[in-house]
Amino acid sequence: MAKSDSSNLEAILQRIFTNRRITRQDQHIMMSNLLAQEGLSDAHIMQINQVFDGLKKGLIRVVD
């Protein structure tokens, strides 16, 4: 993953955790990164899994 992609993912994850909201576009970007997993750090994988756990538990809302 390129540095800009990594910092973009980091910004998205930070925004999701801060606002407890995720957009469909954010979800798409996370899924693409997770499926590719090229250069995806263990920390990013853990954070993405935390987002999906938060979605399942209702702690994070999906907004458009």
C-alpha atoms as a PDB file:
ATOM      1  CA  MET A   1       0.000   0.000   0.000  1.00  0.00           C
ATOM      2  CA  ALA A   2       1.333   3.424  -0.888  1.00  0.00           C
ATOM      3  CA  LYS A   3       2.040   5.958   1.849  1.00  0.00           C
ATOM      4  CA  SER A   4      -0.885   8.178   0.743  1.00  0.00           C
ATOM      5  CA  ASP A   5      -3.243   5.181   0.818  1.00  0.00           C
ATOM      6  CA  SER A   6      -2.016   4.283   4.291  1.00  0.00           C
ATOM      7  CA  SER A   7      -2.489   7.807   5.627  1.00  0.00           C
ATOM      8  CA  ASN A   8      -5.898   8.001   3.917  1.00  0.00           C
ATOM      9  CA  LEU A   9      -6.934   4.756   5.620  1.00  0.00           C
ATOM     10  CA  GLU A  10      -5.586   6.065   8.927  1.00  0.00           C
ATOM     11  CA  ALA A  11      -7.645   9.266   8.546  1.00  0.00           C
ATOM     12  CA  ILE A  12     -10.778   7.259   7.716  1.00  0.00           C
ATOM     13  CA  LEU A  13     -10.314   4.959  10.710  1.00  0.00           C
ATOM     14  CA  GLN A  14      -9.704   7.913  13.035  1.00  0.00           C
ATOM     15  CA  ARG A  15     -12.856   9.676  11.759  1.00  0.00           C
ATOM     16  CA  ILE A  16     -14.937   6.506  12.203  1.00  0.00           C
ATOM     17  CA  PHE A  17     -13.786   5.991  15.792  1.00  0.00           C
ATOM     18  CA  THR A  18     -14.202   9.670  16.676  1.00  0.00           C
ATOM     19  CA  ASN A  19     -17.683  10.114  15.151  1.00  0.00           C
ATOM     20  CA  ARG A  20     -18.905   6.529  15.618  1.00  0.00           C
ATOM     21  CA  ARG A  21     -20.185   6.709  12.052  1.00  0.00           C
ATOM     22  CA  ILE A  22     -19.105   5.147   8.774  1.00  0.00           C
ATOM     23  CA  THR A  23     -20.156   6.091   5.267  1.00  0.00           C
ATOM     24  CA  ARG A  24     -20.701   3.580   2.492  1.00  0.00           C
ATOM     25  CA  GLN A  25     -17.621   5.023   0.781  1.00  0.00           C
ATOM     26  CA  ASP A  26     -15.521   4.525   3.941  1.00  0.00           C
ATOM     27  CA  GLN A  27     -16.787   0.960   4.143  1.00  0.00           C
ATOM     28  CA  HIS A  28     -15.874   0.350   0.503  1.00  0.00           C
ATOM     29  CA  ILE A  29     -12.341   1.724   0.993  1.00  0.00           C
ATOM     30  CA  MET A  30     -11.811  -0.409   4.107  1.00  0.00           C
ATOM     31  CA  MET A  31     -13.081  -3.552   2.406  1.00  0.00           C
ATOM     32  CA  SER A  32     -10.865  -2.951  -0.627  1.00  0.00           C
ATOM     33  CA  ASN A  33      -7.826  -2.505   1.613  1.00  0.00           C
ATOM     34  CA  LEU A  34      -8.716  -5.527   3.720  1.00  0.00           C
ATOM     35  CA  LEU A  35      -9.230  -7.771   0.696  1.00  0.00           C
ATOM     36  CA  ALA A  36      -5.997  -6.601  -0.959  1.00  0.00           C
ATOM     37  CA  GLN A  37      -4.000  -6.729   2.305  1.00  0.00           C
ATOM     38  CA  GLU A  38      -0.872  -5.699   0.385  1.00  0.00           C
ATOM     39  CA  GLY A  39       1.184  -3.716   2.840  1.00  0.00           C
ATOM     40  CA  LEU A  40      -1.677  -3.534   5.324  1.00  0.00           C
ATOM     41  CA  SER A  41      -0.206  -3.418   8.807  1.00  0.00           C
ATOM     42  CA  ASP A  42      -1.387  -5.641  11.632  1.00  0.00           C
ATOM     43  CA  ALA A  43      -2.532  -2.489  13.423  1.00  0.00           C
ATOM     44  CA  HIS A  44      -4.739  -1.480  10.478  1.00  0.00           C
ATOM     45  CA  ILE A  45      -6.203  -4.981  10.238  1.00  0.00           C
ATOM     46  CA  MET A  46      -6.994  -4.863  13.961  1.00  0.00           C
ATOM     47  CA  GLN A  47      -8.609  -1.416  13.645  1.00  0.00           C
ATOM     48  CA  ILE A  48     -10.705  -2.509  10.655  1.00  0.00           C
ATOM     49  CA  ASN A  49     -11.874  -5.534  12.630  1.00  0.00           C
ATOM     50  CA  GLN A  50     -12.785  -3.203  15.523  1.00  0.00           C
ATOM     51  CA  VAL A  51     -14.908  -1.135  13.133  1.00  0.00           C
ATOM     52  CA  PHE A  52     -16.785  -4.223  11.948  1.00  0.00           C
ATOM     53  CA  ASP A  53     -17.260  -5.386  15.560  1.00  0.00           C
ATOM     54  CA  GLY A  54     -18.597  -1.913  16.401  1.00  0.00           C
ATOM     55  CA  LEU A  55     -21.024  -2.148  13.493  1.00  0.00           C
ATOM     56  CA  LYS A  56     -22.271  -5.552  14.641  1.00  0.00           C
ATOM     57  CA  LYS A  57     -22.736  -4.305  18.207  1.00  0.00           C
ATOM     58  CA  GLY A  58     -24.485  -1.111  17.103  1.00  0.00           C
ATOM     59  CA  LEU A  59     -21.724   1.123  18.451  1.00  0.00           C
ATOM     60  CA  ILE A  60     -20.984   2.531  14.984  1.00  0.00           C
ATOM     61  CA  ARG A  61     -23.741   3.703  12.641  1.00  0.00           C
ATOM     62  CA  VAL A  62     -23.751   3.560   8.854  1.00  0.00           C
ATOM     63  CA  VAL A  63     -24.629   6.914   7.294  1.00  0.00           C
ATOM     64  CA  ASP A  64     -24.862   8.021   3.677  1.00  0.00           C
END
